[in-house]
C-alpha atoms as a PDB file:
ATOM      1  CA  UNK A   1     111.693 -15.237 -13.286  1.00  0.00           C
ATOM      2  CA  UNK A   2     109.447 -17.492 -10.879  1.00  0.00           C
ATOM      3  CA  UNK A   3     110.290 -15.584  -8.040  1.00  0.00           C
ATOM      4  CA  UNK A   4     109.348 -12.248  -9.951  1.00  0.00           C
ATOM      5  CA  UNK A   5     105.967 -13.713 -10.688  1.00  0.00           C
ATOM      6  CA  UNK A   6     105.569 -14.793  -6.958  1.00  0.00           C
ATOM      7  CA  UNK A   7     106.520 -11.397  -5.374  1.00  0.00           C
ATOM      8  CA  UNK A   8     104.273  -9.566  -8.027  1.00  0.00           C
ATOM      9  CA  UNK A   9     101.445 -12.003  -6.856  1.00  0.00           C
ATOM     10  CA  UNK A  10     102.324 -11.123  -3.465  1.00  0.00           C
ATOM     11  CA  UNK A  11     101.793  -7.429  -4.067  1.00  0.00           C
ATOM     12  CA  UNK A  12      98.902  -7.527  -6.400  1.00  0.00           C
ATOM     13  CA  UNK A  13      96.609 -10.029  -4.582  1.00  0.00           C
ATOM     14  CA  UNK A  14      96.326  -8.042  -1.438  1.00  0.00           C
ATOM     15  CA  UNK A  15      95.702  -4.771  -3.741  1.00  0.00           C
ATOM     16  CA  UNK A  16      93.021  -6.504  -5.577  1.00  0.00           C
ATOM     17  CA  UNK A  17      91.337  -8.018  -2.569  1.00  0.00           C
ATOM     18  CA  UNK A  18      91.154  -4.640  -0.788  1.00  0.00           C
ATOM     19  CA  UNK A  19      89.756  -3.029  -4.269  1.00  0.00           C
ATOM     20  CA  UNK A  20      87.017  -5.456  -4.174  1.00  0.00           C
ATOM     21  CA  UNK A  21      86.167  -5.005  -0.271  1.00  0.00           C
ATOM     22  CA  UNK A  22      85.783  -1.243  -0.947  1.00  0.00           C
ATOM     23  CA  UNK A  23      83.298  -1.630  -3.814  1.00  0.00           C
ATOM     24  CA  UNK A  24      81.094   1.343  -3.997  1.00  0.00           C
ATOM     25  CA  UNK A  25      77.869   1.133  -1.633  1.00  0.00           C
ATOM     26  CA  UNK A  26      74.502   2.227  -2.381  1.00  0.00           C
ATOM     27  CA  UNK A  27      73.538   5.594  -1.674  1.00  0.00           C
ATOM     28  CA  UNK A  28      69.981   4.463  -0.597  1.00  0.00           C
ATOM     29  CA  UNK A  29      68.301   2.052   1.305  1.00  0.00           C
ATOM     30  CA  UNK A  30      65.648   0.210  -0.969  1.00  0.00           C
ATOM     31  CA  UNK A  31      64.637  -2.919   1.151  1.00  0.00           C
ATOM     32  CA  UNK A  32      61.828  -4.698  -0.329  1.00  0.00           C
ATOM     33  CA  UNK A  33      60.500  -1.656  -2.264  1.00  0.00           C
ATOM     34  CA  UNK A  34      60.435  -3.364  -5.727  1.00  0.00           C
ATOM     35  CA  UNK A  35      58.255  -6.319  -4.439  1.00  0.00           C
ATOM     36  CA  UNK A  36      55.847  -3.507  -2.490  1.00  0.00           C
ATOM     37  CA  UNK A  37      55.490  -1.350  -5.583  1.00  0.00           C
ATOM     38  CA  UNK A  38      54.869  -4.897  -7.751  1.00  0.00           C
ATOM     39  CA  UNK A  39      51.924  -5.362  -5.306  1.00  0.00           C
ATOM     40  CA  UNK A  40      50.570  -2.041  -5.580  1.00  0.00           C
ATOM     41  CA  UNK A  41      50.555  -2.261  -9.217  1.00  0.00           C
ATOM     42  CA  UNK A  42      48.947  -5.683  -9.299  1.00  0.00           C
ATOM     43  CA  UNK A  43      46.084  -4.161  -7.480  1.00  0.00           C
ATOM     44  CA  UNK A  44      46.612  -5.160  -3.842  1.00  0.00           C
ATOM     45  CA  UNK A  45      43.824  -4.340  -1.247  1.00  0.00           C
ATOM     46  CA  UNK A  46      46.266  -5.212   1.707  1.00  0.00           C
ATOM     47  CA  UNK A  47      46.894  -1.638   2.444  1.00  0.00           C
ATOM     48  CA  UNK A  48      47.776  -2.366   6.059  1.00  0.00           C
ATOM     49  CA  UNK A  49      50.535  -4.616   4.505  1.00  0.00           C
ATOM     50  CA  UNK A  50      51.727  -2.190   2.221  1.00  0.00           C
ATOM     51  CA  UNK A  51      52.173   0.512   5.015  1.00  0.00           C
ATOM     52  CA  UNK A  52      53.915  -2.183   7.075  1.00  0.00           C
ATOM     53  CA  UNK A  53      56.513  -2.835   4.419  1.00  0.00           C
ATOM     54  CA  UNK A  54      56.979   0.853   3.618  1.00  0.00           C
ATOM     55  CA  UNK A  55      57.389   1.604   7.337  1.00  0.00           C
ATOM     56  CA  UNK A  56      60.032  -1.119   7.454  1.00  0.00           C
ATOM     57  CA  UNK A  57      61.967   0.147   4.746  1.00  0.00           C
ATOM     58  CA  UNK A  58      61.967   3.475   6.254  1.00  0.00           C
ATOM     59  CA  UNK A  59      62.974   2.470   9.725  1.00  0.00           C
ATOM     60  CA  UNK A  60      65.719  -0.093   8.240  1.00  0.00           C
ATOM     61  CA  UNK A  61      67.115   3.074   6.378  1.00  0.00           C
ATOM     62  CA  UNK A  62      67.477   4.951   9.734  1.00  0.00           C
ATOM     63  CA  UNK A  63      69.140   1.921  11.407  1.00  0.00           C
ATOM     64  CA  UNK A  64      71.606   1.583   8.572  1.00  0.00           C
ATOM     65  CA  UNK A  65      72.192   5.332   8.535  1.00  0.00           C
ATOM     66  CA  UNK A  66      71.273   5.420   4.736  1.00  0.00           C
ATOM     67  CA  UNK A  67      68.681   7.546   2.937  1.00  0.00           C
ATOM     68  CA  UNK A  68      65.500   6.116   2.051  1.00  0.00           C
ATOM     69  CA  UNK A  69      65.105   5.666  -1.675  1.00  0.00           C
ATOM     70  CA  UNK A  70      63.424   8.228  -3.720  1.00  0.00           C
ATOM     71  CA  UNK A  71      59.534   7.482  -3.914  1.00  0.00           C
ATOM     72  CA  UNK A  72      59.013   5.671  -0.773  1.00  0.00           C
ATOM     73  CA  UNK A  73      57.798   8.238   1.254  1.00  0.00           C
ATOM     74  CA  UNK A  74      55.391   9.337  -1.769  1.00  0.00           C
ATOM     75  CA  UNK A  75      54.233   5.804  -1.989  1.00  0.00           C
ATOM     76  CA  UNK A  76      53.440   5.570   1.637  1.00  0.00           C
ATOM     77  CA  UNK A  77      51.599   8.750   1.181  1.00  0.00           C
ATOM     78  CA  UNK A  78      49.306   7.012  -1.487  1.00  0.00           C
ATOM     79  CA  UNK A  79      48.730   4.111   0.762  1.00  0.00           C
ATOM     80  CA  UNK A  80      47.645   6.127   3.457  1.00  0.00           C
ATOM     81  CA  UNK A  81      45.507   8.155   1.352  1.00  0.00           C
ATOM     82  CA  UNK A  82      43.795   5.054   0.226  1.00  0.00           C
ATOM     83  CA  UNK A  83      43.147   4.156   3.774  1.00  0.00           C
ATOM     84  CA  UNK A  84      41.411   7.623   4.040  1.00  0.00           C
ATOM     85  CA  UNK A  85      44.287   9.002   6.461  1.00  0.00           C
ATOM     86  CA  UNK A  86      44.637  12.172   4.469  1.00  0.00           C
ATOM     87  CA  UNK A  87      46.618  14.115   6.921  1.00  0.00           C
ATOM     88  CA  UNK A  88      48.960  11.377   7.262  1.00  0.00           C
ATOM     89  CA  UNK A  89      49.400  11.193   3.660  1.00  0.00           C
ATOM     90  CA  UNK A  90      50.059  14.749   3.460  1.00  0.00           C
ATOM     91  CA  UNK A  91      52.844  14.368   6.018  1.00  0.00           C
ATOM     92  CA  UNK A  92      54.531  11.731   3.931  1.00  0.00           C
ATOM     93  CA  UNK A  93      54.017  13.697   0.555  1.00  0.00           C
ATOM     94  CA  UNK A  94      55.751  16.763   2.539  1.00  0.00           C
ATOM     95  CA  UNK A  95      58.690  14.477   3.681  1.00  0.00           C
ATOM     96  CA  UNK A  96      59.237  13.108   0.047  1.00  0.00           C
ATOM     97  CA  UNK A  97      59.388  16.656  -1.179  1.00  0.00           C
ATOM     98  CA  UNK A  98      61.906  17.576   1.834  1.00  0.00           C
ATOM     99  CA  UNK A  99      64.102  14.830   1.060  1.00  0.00           C
ATOM    100  CA  UNK A 100      64.046  15.320  -2.704  1.00  0.00           C
ATOM    101  CA  UNK A 101      63.111  18.728  -3.909  1.00  0.00           C
ATOM    102  CA  UNK A 102      62.627  17.752  -7.577  1.00  0.00           C
ATOM    103  CA  UNK A 103      59.776  15.596  -6.591  1.00  0.00           C
ATOM    104  CA  UNK A 104      57.649  18.678  -5.481  1.00  0.00           C
ATOM    105  CA  UNK A 105      55.632  18.939  -8.590  1.00  0.00           C
ATOM    106  CA  UNK A 106      54.834  15.301  -8.621  1.00  0.00           C
ATOM    107  CA  UNK A 107      53.921  15.301  -4.876  1.00  0.00           C
ATOM    108  CA  UNK A 108      51.649  18.445  -5.333  1.00  0.00           C
ATOM    109  CA  UNK A 109      49.772  16.863  -8.484  1.00  0.00           C
ATOM    110  CA  UNK A 110      49.382  13.549  -6.386  1.00  0.00           C
ATOM    111  CA  UNK A 111      48.018  15.374  -3.357  1.00  0.00           C
ATOM    112  CA  UNK A 112      45.676  17.095  -5.594  1.00  0.00           C
ATOM    113  CA  UNK A 113      44.305  13.846  -7.275  1.00  0.00           C
ATOM    114  CA  UNK A 114      44.285  11.946  -4.370  1.00  0.00           C
ATOM    115  CA  UNK A 115      42.398  14.557  -2.177  1.00  0.00           C
ATOM    116  CA  UNK A 116      40.193  15.185  -5.173  1.00  0.00           C
ATOM    117  CA  UNK A 117      39.350  11.294  -5.554  1.00  0.00           C
ATOM    118  CA  UNK A 118      38.318  11.103  -1.874  1.00  0.00           C
ATOM    119  CA  UNK A 119      36.104  14.283  -2.307  1.00  0.00           C
ATOM    120  CA  UNK A 120      34.585  14.170  -5.748  1.00  0.00           C
ATOM    121  CA  UNK A 121      33.244  17.177  -6.974  1.00  0.00           C
ATOM    122  CA  UNK A 122      30.579  17.886  -9.855  1.00  0.00           C
ATOM    123  CA  UNK A 123      30.731  13.993 -10.560  1.00  0.00           C
ATOM    124  CA  UNK A 124      33.945  13.938 -12.238  1.00  0.00           C
ATOM    125  CA  UNK A 125      36.328  11.496 -10.915  1.00  0.00           C
ATOM    126  CA  UNK A 126      39.964  12.835 -10.956  1.00  0.00           C
ATOM    127  CA  UNK A 127      41.784   9.704 -10.773  1.00  0.00           C
ATOM    128  CA  UNK A 128      40.303   7.914 -13.908  1.00  0.00           C
ATOM    129  CA  UNK A 129      39.197  10.880 -15.881  1.00  0.00           C
ATOM    130  CA  UNK A 130      35.638   9.661 -16.137  1.00  0.00           C
ATOM    131  CA  UNK A 131      32.932  11.778 -16.070  1.00  0.00           C
ATOM    132  CA  UNK A 132      30.130  10.576 -13.587  1.00  0.00           C
ATOM    133  CA  UNK A 133      27.711  13.311 -14.131  1.00  0.00           C
ATOM    134  CA  UNK A 134      25.195  11.062 -15.519  1.00  0.00           C
ATOM    135  CA  UNK A 135      25.103   9.230 -12.010  1.00  0.00           C
ATOM    136  CA  UNK A 136      27.668   6.364 -12.684  1.00  0.00           C
ATOM    137  CA  UNK A 137      30.264   5.380 -10.371  1.00  0.00           C
ATOM    138  CA  UNK A 138      33.784   5.377 -11.303  1.00  0.00           C
ATOM    139  CA  UNK A 139      35.927   2.294 -10.664  1.00  0.00           C
END
């Protein structure tokens, strides 16, 4: 009986180790995206640092031959837009749409809101929804 258990262990152990070694890999490379997005929502003004972190995620994904996680290019577009680099921002929004077609509506909306925010019309701030017709300034 003990020999049967020993043989079973010799067969089962390598199979179990092989199963663990072939654990499914993630489809996307996220890098430190959670920390980067957290800094965005905490109200950071370090746009250069945000840009650098997002570009590193993108370059690391290419090095690892993985897809960039959904939203990374869109977030980079927002960061570039905050810096007044609208043409580069549009290119990142377009890249997000190319990689993830399901994001097209959202990316189009973001582009419209960001471009409107950088060029206010009729005193209406598109990003906050506040009416500035009375001469006030939106935050």
